Amino acid sequence: MTKNNINPEHYQQGRISNIEFIEDRLGTSGFKAFLLGSHYKYTYRFKHKHKHLPTAQRKEKELEDLKKSQWYLARYQMCLQNEIKSHTEANNVTPIQYDSNDLPSDTEHKNEDE
């Protein structure tokens, strides 16, 4: 099994993942702010966080931080796509057009011959 530095095993404890737990607790707008903040955090500090490491190792860690940044941004984009889809579906509801000859199902038809 390969090591996943972006979503490690310790983020997968219990019935739901860590990110799902955060989303559940923060709600939609709070979760989106969290995702965007995490994206900014990794993007902002990737060049400064690992200065103490040898060049090759530092570059590997920088790349890892940029991948984490991309992951948070992709998750944010997914939230926006879901909102667009929900909004589009909600606005594509076609109202039922009734004809004046339509009667509710509980109304009896009277035979015109009677």
PDB file of N, CA and C in Angstrom:
ATOM      1  N   MET A   1       0.839  -1.178   0.000  1.00  0.00           N
ATOM      2  CA  MET A   1       0.000   0.000   0.000  1.00  0.00           C
ATOM      3  C   MET A   1       0.884   1.242   0.000  1.00  0.00           C
ATOM      4  N   THR A   2       0.600   2.189  -0.871  1.00  0.00           N
ATOM      5  CA  THR A   2       1.404   3.399  -0.944  1.00  0.00           C
ATOM      6  C   THR A   2       0.952   4.404   0.109  1.00  0.00           C
ATOM      7  N   LYS A   3       1.892   5.199   0.544  1.00  0.00           N
ATOM      8  CA  LYS A   3       1.616   6.214   1.555  1.00  0.00           C
ATOM      9  C   LYS A   3       0.896   7.387   0.895  1.00  0.00           C
ATOM     10  N   ASN A   4      -0.203   7.811   1.485  1.00  0.00           N
ATOM     11  CA  ASN A   4      -0.967   8.941   0.967  1.00  0.00           C
ATOM     12  C   ASN A   4      -0.746  10.120   1.899  1.00  0.00           C
ATOM     13  N   ASN A   5       0.111  11.056   1.487  1.00  0.00           N
ATOM     14  CA  ASN A   5       0.433  12.201   2.337  1.00  0.00           C
ATOM     15  C   ASN A   5      -0.653  13.269   2.322  1.00  0.00           C
ATOM     16  N   ILE A   6      -1.553  13.211   1.363  1.00  0.00           N
ATOM     17  CA  ILE A   6      -2.608  14.203   1.285  1.00  0.00           C
ATOM     18  C   ILE A   6      -3.820  13.786   2.108  1.00  0.00           C
ATOM     19  N   ASN A   7      -4.139  12.509   2.104  1.00  0.00           N
ATOM     20  CA  ASN A   7      -5.281  12.012   2.867  1.00  0.00           C
ATOM     21  C   ASN A   7      -4.862  10.733   3.598  1.00  0.00           C
ATOM     22  N   PRO A   8      -4.014  10.870   4.623  1.00  0.00           N
ATOM     23  CA  PRO A   8      -3.454   9.701   5.298  1.00  0.00           C
ATOM     24  C   PRO A   8      -4.501   8.907   6.083  1.00  0.00           C
ATOM     25  N   GLU A   9      -4.116   7.696   6.468  1.00  0.00           N
ATOM     26  CA  GLU A   9      -5.019   6.797   7.189  1.00  0.00           C
ATOM     27  C   GLU A   9      -5.587   7.415   8.457  1.00  0.00           C
ATOM     28  N   HIS A  10      -4.816   8.197   9.181  1.00  0.00           N
ATOM     29  CA  HIS A  10      -5.318   8.739  10.440  1.00  0.00           C
ATOM     30  C   HIS A  10      -6.427   9.766  10.212  1.00  0.00           C
ATOM     31  N   TYR A  11      -6.686  10.164   8.966  1.00  0.00           N
ATOM     32  CA  TYR A  11      -7.831  11.026   8.643  1.00  0.00           C
ATOM     33  C   TYR A  11      -9.086  10.204   8.383  1.00  0.00           C
ATOM     34  N   GLN A  12      -8.947   8.883   8.383  1.00  0.00           N
ATOM     35  CA  GLN A  12     -10.047   7.991   8.025  1.00  0.00           C
ATOM     36  C   GLN A  12     -10.550   7.171   9.215  1.00  0.00           C
ATOM     37  N   GLN A  13     -10.551   7.720  10.382  1.00  0.00           N
ATOM     38  CA  GLN A  13     -10.994   7.004  11.568  1.00  0.00           C
ATOM     39  C   GLN A  13     -12.518   7.041  11.689  1.00  0.00           C
ATOM     40  N   GLY A  14     -13.091   5.977  12.147  1.00  0.00           N
ATOM     41  CA  GLY A  14     -14.528   5.959  12.388  1.00  0.00           C
ATOM     42  C   GLY A  14     -15.342   5.776  11.111  1.00  0.00           C
ATOM     43  N   ARG A  15     -16.621   6.150  11.212  1.00  0.00           N
ATOM     44  CA  ARG A  15     -17.555   5.922  10.105  1.00  0.00           C
ATOM     45  C   ARG A  15     -17.427   6.941   8.988  1.00  0.00           C
ATOM     46  N   ILE A  16     -16.954   8.140   9.305  1.00  0.00           N
ATOM     47  CA  ILE A  16     -16.779   9.157   8.265  1.00  0.00           C
ATOM     48  C   ILE A  16     -15.362   9.701   8.326  1.00  0.00           C
ATOM     49  N   SER A  17     -14.917  10.243   7.207  1.00  0.00           N
ATOM     50  CA  SER A  17     -13.563  10.782   7.160  1.00  0.00           C
ATOM     51  C   SER A  17     -13.499  12.126   7.884  1.00  0.00           C
ATOM     52  N   ASN A  18     -12.309  12.552   8.166  1.00  0.00           N
ATOM     53  CA  ASN A  18     -12.072  13.822   8.838  1.00  0.00           C
ATOM     54  C   ASN A  18     -12.704  14.981   8.060  1.00  0.00           C
ATOM     55  N   ILE A  19     -12.534  14.993   6.745  1.00  0.00           N
ATOM     56  CA  ILE A  19     -13.060  16.092   5.933  1.00  0.00           C
ATOM     57  C   ILE A  19     -14.588  16.100   5.944  1.00  0.00           C
ATOM     58  N   GLU A  20     -15.213  14.921   5.951  1.00  0.00           N
ATOM     59  CA  GLU A  20     -16.677  14.844   6.037  1.00  0.00           C
ATOM     60  C   GLU A  20     -17.164  15.337   7.398  1.00  0.00           C
ATOM     61  N   PHE A  21     -16.412  15.025   8.454  1.00  0.00           N
ATOM     62  CA  PHE A  21     -16.749  15.498   9.793  1.00  0.00           C
ATOM     63  C   PHE A  21     -16.713  17.020   9.844  1.00  0.00           C
ATOM     64  N   ILE A  22     -15.669  17.605   9.270  1.00  0.00           N
ATOM     65  CA  ILE A  22     -15.536  19.067   9.238  1.00  0.00           C
ATOM     66  C   ILE A  22     -16.681  19.679   8.436  1.00  0.00           C
ATOM     67  N   GLU A  23     -16.977  19.104   7.282  1.00  0.00           N
ATOM     68  CA  GLU A  23     -18.076  19.612   6.448  1.00  0.00           C
ATOM     69  C   GLU A  23     -19.402  19.568   7.202  1.00  0.00           C
ATOM     70  N   ASP A  24     -19.643  18.470   7.906  1.00  0.00           N
ATOM     71  CA  ASP A  24     -20.875  18.309   8.673  1.00  0.00           C
ATOM     72  C   ASP A  24     -20.984  19.355   9.771  1.00  0.00           C
ATOM     73  N   ARG A  25     -19.887  19.644  10.433  1.00  0.00           N
ATOM     74  CA  ARG A  25     -19.907  20.591  11.554  1.00  0.00           C
ATOM     75  C   ARG A  25     -19.978  22.047  11.109  1.00  0.00           C
ATOM     76  N   LEU A  26     -19.354  22.389   9.976  1.00  0.00           N
ATOM     77  CA  LEU A  26     -19.269  23.785   9.555  1.00  0.00           C
ATOM     78  C   LEU A  26     -20.416  24.237   8.653  1.00  0.00           C
ATOM     79  N   GLY A  27     -21.125  23.297   8.038  1.00  0.00           N
ATOM     80  CA  GLY A  27     -22.157  23.678   7.086  1.00  0.00           C
ATOM     81  C   GLY A  27     -21.521  24.120   5.777  1.00  0.00           C
ATOM     82  N   THR A  28     -22.347  24.395   4.787  1.00  0.00           N
ATOM     83  CA  THR A  28     -21.843  24.676   3.438  1.00  0.00           C
ATOM     84  C   THR A  28     -20.940  25.886   3.373  1.00  0.00           C
ATOM     85  N   SER A  29     -21.397  27.031   3.858  1.00  0.00           N
ATOM     86  CA  SER A  29     -20.583  28.244   3.718  1.00  0.00           C
ATOM     87  C   SER A  29     -19.321  28.172   4.578  1.00  0.00           C
ATOM     88  N   GLY A  30     -19.424  27.638   5.780  1.00  0.00           N
ATOM     89  CA  GLY A  30     -18.250  27.492   6.634  1.00  0.00           C
ATOM     90  C   GLY A  30     -17.244  26.518   6.056  1.00  0.00           C
ATOM     91  N   PHE A  31     -17.753  25.446   5.472  1.00  0.00           N
ATOM     92  CA  PHE A  31     -16.875  24.442   4.872  1.00  0.00           C
ATOM     93  C   PHE A  31     -16.139  25.016   3.667  1.00  0.00           C
ATOM     94  N   LYS A  32     -16.842  25.774   2.847  1.00  0.00           N
ATOM     95  CA  LYS A  32     -16.186  26.395   1.692  1.00  0.00           C
ATOM     96  C   LYS A  32     -15.102  27.368   2.155  1.00  0.00           C
ATOM     97  N   ALA A  33     -15.354  28.117   3.215  1.00  0.00           N
ATOM     98  CA  ALA A  33     -14.339  29.028   3.753  1.00  0.00           C
ATOM     99  C   ALA A  33     -13.132  28.232   4.264  1.00  0.00           C
ATOM    100  N   PHE A  34     -13.388  27.118   4.924  1.00  0.00           N
ATOM    101  CA  PHE A  34     -12.321  26.247   5.408  1.00  0.00           C
ATOM    102  C   PHE A  34     -11.462  25.747   4.241  1.00  0.00           C
ATOM    103  N   LEU A  35     -12.117  25.283   3.178  1.00  0.00           N
ATOM    104  CA  LEU A  35     -11.391  24.760   2.013  1.00  0.00           C
ATOM    105  C   LEU A  35     -10.533  25.835   1.365  1.00  0.00           C
ATOM    106  N   LEU A  36     -11.110  27.005   1.184  1.00  0.00           N
ATOM    107  CA  LEU A  36     -10.359  28.089   0.559  1.00  0.00           C
ATOM    108  C   LEU A  36      -9.211  28.540   1.455  1.00  0.00           C
ATOM    109  N   GLY A  37      -9.453  28.603   2.760  1.00  0.00           N
ATOM    110  CA  GLY A  37      -8.391  28.965   3.700  1.00  0.00           C
ATOM    111  C   GLY A  37      -7.253  27.957   3.697  1.00  0.00           C
ATOM    112  N   SER A  38      -7.596  26.685   3.624  1.00  0.00           N
ATOM    113  CA  SER A  38      -6.562  25.643   3.580  1.00  0.00           C
ATOM    114  C   SER A  38      -5.762  25.728   2.284  1.00  0.00           C
ATOM    115  N   HIS A  39      -6.447  25.996   1.189  1.00  0.00           N
ATOM    116  CA  HIS A  39      -5.761  26.196  -0.099  1.00  0.00           C
ATOM    117  C   HIS A  39      -4.763  27.353   0.011  1.00  0.00           C
ATOM    118  N   TYR A  40      -5.213  28.472   0.563  1.00  0.00           N
ATOM    119  CA  TYR A  40      -4.327  29.639   0.718  1.00  0.00           C
ATOM    120  C   TYR A  40      -3.138  29.311   1.622  1.00  0.00           C
ATOM    121  N   LYS A  41      -3.406  28.590   2.710  1.00  0.00           N
ATOM    122  CA  LYS A  41      -2.350  28.254   3.670  1.00  0.00           C
ATOM    123  C   LYS A  41      -1.224  27.474   3.002  1.00  0.00           C
ATOM    124  N   TYR A  42      -1.575  26.419   2.280  1.00  0.00           N
ATOM    125  CA  TYR A  42      -0.546  25.597   1.646  1.00  0.00           C
ATOM    126  C   TYR A  42       0.168  26.344   0.529  1.00  0.00           C
ATOM    127  N   THR A  43      -0.567  27.165  -0.216  1.00  0.00           N
ATOM    128  CA  THR A  43       0.050  27.934  -1.296  1.00  0.00           C
ATOM    129  C   THR A  43       0.998  28.990  -0.741  1.00  0.00           C
ATOM    130  N   TYR A  44       0.600  29.636   0.327  1.00  0.00           N
ATOM    131  CA  TYR A  44       1.376  30.727   0.914  1.00  0.00           C
ATOM    132  C   TYR A  44       2.698  30.247   1.520  1.00  0.00           C
ATOM    133  N   ARG A  45       2.655  29.116   2.194  1.00  0.00           N
ATOM    134  CA  ARG A  45       3.830  28.725   2.974  1.00  0.00           C
ATOM    135  C   ARG A  45       4.733  27.683   2.335  1.00  0.00           C
ATOM    136  N   PHE A  46       4.359  27.150   1.154  1.00  0.00           N
ATOM    137  CA  PHE A  46       5.129  26.028   0.612  1.00  0.00           C
ATOM    138  C   PHE A  46       6.598  26.372   0.374  1.00  0.00           C
ATOM    139  N   LYS A  47       6.922  27.595   0.024  1.00  0.00           N
ATOM    140  CA  LYS A  47       8.312  27.986  -0.238  1.00  0.00           C
ATOM    141  C   LYS A  47       9.101  28.270   1.047  1.00  0.00           C
ATOM    142  N   HIS A  48       8.424  28.470   2.139  1.00  0.00           N
ATOM    143  CA  HIS A  48       9.083  28.881   3.386  1.00  0.00           C
ATOM    144  C   HIS A  48       9.148  27.776   4.444  1.00  0.00           C
ATOM    145  N   LYS A  49       8.239  26.831   4.358  1.00  0.00           N
ATOM    146  CA  LYS A  49       8.073  25.838   5.414  1.00  0.00           C
ATOM    147  C   LYS A  49       9.256  24.871   5.548  1.00  0.00           C
ATOM    148  N   HIS A  50       9.918  24.543   4.469  1.00  0.00           N
ATOM    149  CA  HIS A  50      10.922  23.474   4.477  1.00  0.00           C
ATOM    150  C   HIS A  50      12.330  23.961   4.127  1.00  0.00           C
ATOM    151  N   LYS A  51      12.639  25.212   4.425  1.00  0.00           N
ATOM    152  CA  LYS A  51      13.949  25.783   4.069  1.00  0.00           C
ATOM    153  C   LYS A  51      15.112  25.036   4.710  1.00  0.00           C
ATOM    154  N   HIS A  52      14.876  24.409   5.836  1.00  0.00           N
ATOM    155  CA  HIS A  52      15.929  23.729   6.580  1.00  0.00           C
ATOM    156  C   HIS A  52      16.359  22.399   5.947  1.00  0.00           C
ATOM    157  N   LEU A  53      15.582  21.890   4.988  1.00  0.00           N
ATOM    158  CA  LEU A  53      15.865  20.584   4.399  1.00  0.00           C
ATOM    159  C   LEU A  53      16.841  20.701   3.231  1.00  0.00           C
ATOM    160  N   PRO A  54      17.542  19.604   2.922  1.00  0.00           N
ATOM    161  CA  PRO A  54      18.390  19.589   1.731  1.00  0.00           C
ATOM    162  C   PRO A  54      17.521  19.824   0.478  1.00  0.00           C
ATOM    163  N   THR A  55      18.126  20.326  -0.568  1.00  0.00           N
ATOM    164  CA  THR A  55      17.399  20.768  -1.757  1.00  0.00           C
ATOM    165  C   THR A  55      16.403  19.739  -2.297  1.00  0.00           C
ATOM    166  N   ALA A  56      16.834  18.531  -2.539  1.00  0.00           N
ATOM    167  CA  ALA A  56      15.952  17.517  -3.133  1.00  0.00           C
ATOM    168  C   ALA A  56      14.762  17.218  -2.217  1.00  0.00           C
ATOM    169  N   GLN A  57      15.029  17.048  -0.948  1.00  0.00           N
ATOM    170  CA  GLN A  57      13.969  16.753   0.012  1.00  0.00           C
ATOM    171  C   GLN A  57      13.032  17.957   0.158  1.00  0.00           C
ATOM    172  N   ARG A  58      13.596  19.158   0.161  1.00  0.00           N
ATOM    173  CA  ARG A  58      12.791  20.380   0.255  1.00  0.00           C
ATOM    174  C   ARG A  58      11.832  20.480  -0.925  1.00  0.00           C
ATOM    175  N   LYS A  59      12.330  20.212  -2.110  1.00  0.00           N
ATOM    176  CA  LYS A  59      11.491  20.289  -3.312  1.00  0.00           C
ATOM    177  C   LYS A  59      10.371  19.249  -3.279  1.00  0.00           C
ATOM    178  N   GLU A  60      10.664  18.054  -2.759  1.00  0.00           N
ATOM    179  CA  GLU A  60       9.621  17.034  -2.607  1.00  0.00           C
ATOM    180  C   GLU A  60       8.519  17.525  -1.667  1.00  0.00           C
ATOM    181  N   LYS A  61       8.921  18.142  -0.553  1.00  0.00           N
ATOM    182  CA  LYS A  61       7.946  18.661   0.415  1.00  0.00           C
ATOM    183  C   LYS A  61       7.165  19.838  -0.168  1.00  0.00           C
ATOM    184  N   GLU A  62       7.822  20.683  -0.951  1.00  0.00           N
ATOM    185  CA  GLU A  62       7.130  21.797  -1.598  1.00  0.00           C
ATOM    186  C   GLU A  62       6.064  21.272  -2.560  1.00  0.00           C
ATOM    187  N   LEU A  63       6.446  20.248  -3.325  1.00  0.00           N
ATOM    188  CA  LEU A  63       5.505  19.639  -4.260  1.00  0.00           C
ATOM    189  C   LEU A  63       4.317  19.030  -3.515  1.00  0.00           C
ATOM    190  N   GLU A  64       4.593  18.362  -2.411  1.00  0.00           N
ATOM    191  CA  GLU A  64       3.529  17.777  -1.596  1.00  0.00           C
ATOM    192  C   GLU A  64       2.570  18.862  -1.098  1.00  0.00           C
ATOM    193  N   ASP A  65       3.109  19.983  -0.628  1.00  0.00           N
ATOM    194  CA  ASP A  65       2.254  21.080  -0.149  1.00  0.00           C
ATOM    195  C   ASP A  65       1.410  21.666  -1.281  1.00  0.00           C
ATOM    196  N   LEU A  66       1.986  21.771  -2.484  1.00  0.00           N
ATOM    197  CA  LEU A  66       1.216  22.275  -3.624  1.00  0.00           C
ATOM    198  C   LEU A  66       0.116  21.298  -4.027  1.00  0.00           C
ATOM    199  N   LYS A  67       0.376  20.005  -3.899  1.00  0.00           N
ATOM    200  CA  LYS A  67      -0.666  19.003  -4.168  1.00  0.00           C
ATOM    201  C   LYS A  67      -1.794  19.114  -3.146  1.00  0.00           C
ATOM    202  N   LYS A  68      -1.426  19.361  -1.894  1.00  0.00           N
ATOM    203  CA  LYS A  68      -2.455  19.557  -0.868  1.00  0.00           C
ATOM    204  C   LYS A  68      -3.281  20.802  -1.192  1.00  0.00           C
ATOM    205  N   SER A  69      -2.611  21.859  -1.607  1.00  0.00           N
ATOM    206  CA  SER A  69      -3.289  23.086  -1.984  1.00  0.00           C
ATOM    207  C   SER A  69      -4.278  22.823  -3.120  1.00  0.00           C
ATOM    208  N   GLN A  70      -3.841  22.081  -4.115  1.00  0.00           N
ATOM    209  CA  GLN A  70      -4.703  21.731  -5.246  1.00  0.00           C
ATOM    210  C   GLN A  70      -5.883  20.883  -4.797  1.00  0.00           C
ATOM    211  N   TRP A  71      -5.663  19.973  -3.861  1.00  0.00           N
ATOM    212  CA  TRP A  71      -6.732  19.112  -3.373  1.00  0.00           C
ATOM    213  C   TRP A  71      -7.833  19.954  -2.735  1.00  0.00           C
ATOM    214  N   TYR A  72      -7.441  20.905  -1.888  1.00  0.00           N
ATOM    215  CA  TYR A  72      -8.444  21.765  -1.242  1.00  0.00           C
ATOM    216  C   TYR A  72      -9.169  22.631  -2.258  1.00  0.00           C
ATOM    217  N   LEU A  73      -8.445  23.136  -3.248  1.00  0.00           N
ATOM    218  CA  LEU A  73      -9.079  23.952  -4.279  1.00  0.00           C
ATOM    219  C   LEU A  73     -10.034  23.110  -5.125  1.00  0.00           C
ATOM    220  N   ALA A  74      -9.649  21.895  -5.453  1.00  0.00           N
ATOM    221  CA  ALA A  74     -10.523  21.004  -6.231  1.00  0.00           C
ATOM    222  C   ALA A  74     -11.795  20.677  -5.448  1.00  0.00           C
ATOM    223  N   ARG A  75     -11.658  20.469  -4.144  1.00  0.00           N
ATOM    224  CA  ARG A  75     -12.835  20.186  -3.309  1.00  0.00           C
ATOM    225  C   ARG A  75     -13.746  21.408  -3.254  1.00  0.00           C
ATOM    226  N   TYR A  76     -13.175  22.599  -3.191  1.00  0.00           N
ATOM    227  CA  TYR A  76     -13.951  23.842  -3.225  1.00  0.00           C
ATOM    228  C   TYR A  76     -14.703  23.944  -4.553  1.00  0.00           C
ATOM    229  N   GLN A  77     -14.009  23.649  -5.647  1.00  0.00           N
ATOM    230  CA  GLN A  77     -14.639  23.689  -6.963  1.00  0.00           C
ATOM    231  C   GLN A  77     -15.789  22.686  -7.050  1.00  0.00           C
ATOM    232  N   MET A  78     -15.617  21.521  -6.446  1.00  0.00           N
ATOM    233  CA  MET A  78     -16.675  20.517  -6.431  1.00  0.00           C
ATOM    234  C   MET A  78     -17.913  21.047  -5.691  1.00  0.00           C
ATOM    235  N   CYS A  79     -17.692  21.757  -4.598  1.00  0.00           N
ATOM    236  CA  CYS A  79     -18.812  22.365  -3.865  1.00  0.00           C
ATOM    237  C   CYS A  79     -19.552  23.360  -4.759  1.00  0.00           C
ATOM    238  N   LEU A  80     -18.808  24.189  -5.477  1.00  0.00           N
ATOM    239  CA  LEU A  80     -19.433  25.158  -6.376  1.00  0.00           C
ATOM    240  C   LEU A  80     -20.206  24.464  -7.488  1.00  0.00           C
ATOM    241  N   GLN A  81     -19.633  23.405  -8.045  1.00  0.00           N
ATOM    242  CA  GLN A  81     -20.324  22.662  -9.102  1.00  0.00           C
ATOM    243  C   GLN A  81     -21.628  22.066  -8.584  1.00  0.00           C
ATOM    244  N   ASN A  82     -21.609  21.540  -7.368  1.00  0.00           N
ATOM    245  CA  ASN A  82     -22.824  20.985  -6.764  1.00  0.00           C
ATOM    246  C   ASN A  82     -23.868  22.072  -6.534  1.00  0.00           C
ATOM    247  N   GLU A  83     -23.431  23.258  -6.115  1.00  0.00           N
ATOM    248  CA  GLU A  83     -24.364  24.368  -5.920  1.00  0.00           C
ATOM    249  C   GLU A  83     -24.980  24.799  -7.251  1.00  0.00           C
ATOM    250  N   ILE A  84     -24.163  24.854  -8.300  1.00  0.00           N
ATOM    251  CA  ILE A  84     -24.663  25.224  -9.624  1.00  0.00           C
ATOM    252  C   ILE A  84     -25.684  24.197 -10.097  1.00  0.00           C
ATOM    253  N   LYS A  85     -25.362  22.927  -9.918  1.00  0.00           N
ATOM    254  CA  LYS A  85     -26.270  21.856 -10.332  1.00  0.00           C
ATOM    255  C   LYS A  85     -27.584  21.941  -9.570  1.00  0.00           C
ATOM    256  N   SER A  86     -27.525  22.135  -8.262  1.00  0.00           N
ATOM    257  CA  SER A  86     -28.737  22.238  -7.450  1.00  0.00           C
ATOM    258  C   SER A  86     -29.568  23.440  -7.862  1.00  0.00           C
ATOM    259  N   HIS A  87     -28.904  24.561  -8.093  1.00  0.00           N
ATOM    260  CA  HIS A  87     -29.602  25.785  -8.497  1.00  0.00           C
ATOM    261  C   HIS A  87     -30.269  25.597  -9.853  1.00  0.00           C
ATOM    262  N   THR A  88     -29.553  24.980 -10.784  1.00  0.00           N
ATOM    263  CA  THR A  88     -30.091  24.741 -12.122  1.00  0.00           C
ATOM    264  C   THR A  88     -31.289  23.811 -12.060  1.00  0.00           C
ATOM    265  N   GLU A  89     -31.170  22.728 -11.289  1.00  0.00           N
ATOM    266  CA  GLU A  89     -32.277  21.788 -11.162  1.00  0.00           C
ATOM    267  C   GLU A  89     -33.494  22.445 -10.521  1.00  0.00           C
ATOM    268  N   ALA A  90     -33.259  23.291  -9.528  1.00  0.00           N
ATOM    269  CA  ALA A  90     -34.371  23.968  -8.849  1.00  0.00           C
ATOM    270  C   ALA A  90     -35.073  24.946  -9.781  1.00  0.00           C
ATOM    271  N   ASN A  91     -34.325  25.558 -10.680  1.00  0.00           N
ATOM    272  CA  ASN A  91     -34.910  26.535 -11.593  1.00  0.00           C
ATOM    273  C   ASN A  91     -35.456  25.920 -12.876  1.00  0.00           C
ATOM    274  N   ASN A  92     -35.244  24.632 -13.072  1.00  0.00           N
ATOM    275  CA  ASN A  92     -35.751  23.973 -14.275  1.00  0.00           C
ATOM    276  C   ASN A  92     -37.061  23.236 -14.029  1.00  0.00           C
ATOM    277  N   VAL A  93     -37.711  23.519 -12.931  1.00  0.00           N
ATOM    278  CA  VAL A  93     -38.990  22.891 -12.633  1.00  0.00           C
ATOM    279  C   VAL A  93     -40.044  23.540 -13.520  1.00  0.00           C
ATOM    280  N   THR A  94     -40.734  22.724 -14.282  1.00  0.00           N
ATOM    281  CA  THR A  94     -41.781  23.234 -15.162  1.00  0.00           C
ATOM    282  C   THR A  94     -43.113  23.163 -14.433  1.00  0.00           C
ATOM    283  N   PRO A  95     -43.771  24.312 -14.285  1.00  0.00           N
ATOM    284  CA  PRO A  95     -45.066  24.272 -13.608  1.00  0.00           C
ATOM    285  C   PRO A  95     -46.082  23.495 -14.453  1.00  0.00           C
ATOM    286  N   ILE A  96     -46.980  22.835 -13.781  1.00  0.00           N
ATOM    287  CA  ILE A  96     -48.023  22.079 -14.473  1.00  0.00           C
ATOM    288  C   ILE A  96     -49.057  23.061 -14.998  1.00  0.00           C
ATOM    289  N   GLN A  97     -49.383  22.922 -16.256  1.00  0.00           N
ATOM    290  CA  GLN A  97     -50.394  23.769 -16.876  1.00  0.00           C
ATOM    291  C   GLN A  97     -51.728  23.024 -16.852  1.00  0.00           C
ATOM    292  N   TYR A  98     -52.716  23.645 -16.272  1.00  0.00           N
ATOM    293  CA  TYR A  98     -54.029  23.025 -16.193  1.00  0.00           C
ATOM    294  C   TYR A  98     -54.948  23.633 -17.233  1.00  0.00           C
ATOM    295  N   ASP A  99     -55.746  22.785 -17.813  1.00  0.00           N
ATOM    296  CA  ASP A  99     -56.775  23.202 -18.753  1.00  0.00           C
ATOM    297  C   ASP A  99     -58.057  23.428 -17.958  1.00  0.00           C
ATOM    298  N   SER A 100     -58.903  24.302 -18.432  1.00  0.00           N
ATOM    299  CA  SER A 100     -60.156  24.568 -17.717  1.00  0.00           C
ATOM    300  C   SER A 100     -61.055  23.345 -17.674  1.00  0.00           C
ATOM    301  N   ASN A 101     -60.829  22.366 -18.529  1.00  0.00           N
ATOM    302  CA  ASN A 101     -61.622  21.128 -18.526  1.00  0.00           C
ATOM    303  C   ASN A 101     -61.089  20.100 -17.543  1.00  0.00           C
ATOM    304  N   ASP A 102     -59.906  20.363 -16.997  1.00  0.00           N
ATOM    305  CA  ASP A 102     -59.332  19.427 -16.018  1.00  0.00           C
ATOM    306  C   ASP A 102     -60.114  19.501 -14.714  1.00  0.00           C
ATOM    307  N   LEU A 103     -60.351  18.351 -14.138  1.00  0.00           N
ATOM    308  CA  LEU A 103     -61.037  18.276 -12.856  1.00  0.00           C
ATOM    309  C   LEU A 103     -60.153  17.539 -11.871  1.00  0.00           C
ATOM    310  N   PRO A 104     -60.196  17.898 -10.608  1.00  0.00           N
ATOM    311  CA  PRO A 104     -59.450  17.133  -9.614  1.00  0.00           C
ATOM    312  C   PRO A 104     -59.916  15.680  -9.597  1.00  0.00           C
ATOM    313  N   SER A 105     -59.059  14.793  -9.175  1.00  0.00           N
ATOM    314  CA  SER A 105     -59.380  13.362  -9.213  1.00  0.00           C
ATOM    315  C   SER A 105     -60.542  12.987  -8.302  1.00  0.00           C
ATOM    316  N   ASP A 106     -60.827  13.785  -7.295  1.00  0.00           N
ATOM    317  CA  ASP A 106     -61.919  13.430  -6.385  1.00  0.00           C
ATOM    318  C   ASP A 106     -63.264  14.024  -6.825  1.00  0.00           C
ATOM    319  N   THR A 107     -63.307  14.633  -7.989  1.00  0.00           N
ATOM    320  CA  THR A 107     -64.551  15.193  -8.501  1.00  0.00           C
ATOM    321  C   THR A 107     -65.203  14.180  -9.422  1.00  0.00           C
ATOM    322  N   GLU A 108     -66.482  13.961  -9.195  1.00  0.00           N
ATOM    323  CA  GLU A 108     -67.203  12.997 -10.042  1.00  0.00           C
ATOM    324  C   GLU A 108     -67.605  13.668 -11.345  1.00  0.00           C
ATOM    325  N   HIS A 109     -67.494  12.897 -12.416  1.00  0.00           N
ATOM    326  CA  HIS A 109     -67.983  13.370 -13.709  1.00  0.00           C
ATOM    327  C   HIS A 109     -69.484  13.088 -13.756  1.00  0.00           C
ATOM    328  N   LYS A 110     -70.232  14.046 -14.173  1.00  0.00           N
ATOM    329  CA  LYS A 110     -71.666  13.806 -14.371  1.00  0.00           C
ATOM    330  C   LYS A 110     -71.851  13.539 -15.847  1.00  0.00           C
ATOM    331  N   ASN A 111     -72.587  12.511 -16.075  1.00  0.00           N
ATOM    332  CA  ASN A 111     -72.885  12.158 -17.443  1.00  0.00           C
ATOM    333  C   ASN A 111     -73.816  13.210 -18.021  1.00  0.00           C
ATOM    334  N   GLU A 112     -73.495  13.754 -19.194  1.00  0.00           N
ATOM    335  CA  GLU A 112     -74.319  14.810 -19.779  1.00  0.00           C
ATOM    336  C   GLU A 112     -75.699  14.319 -20.156  1.00  0.00           C
ATOM    337  N   ASP A 113     -75.873  13.010 -20.316  1.00  0.00           N
ATOM    338  CA  ASP A 113     -77.171  12.462 -20.683  1.00  0.00           C
ATOM    339  C   ASP A 113     -78.116  12.419 -19.479  1.00  0.00           C
ATOM    340  N   GLU A 114     -77.596  12.548 -18.280  1.00  0.00           N
ATOM    341  CA  GLU A 114     -78.445  12.422 -17.092  1.00  0.00           C
ATOM    342  C   GLU A 114     -79.209  13.665 -16.818  1.00  0.00           C
TER     343      GLU A 114
END
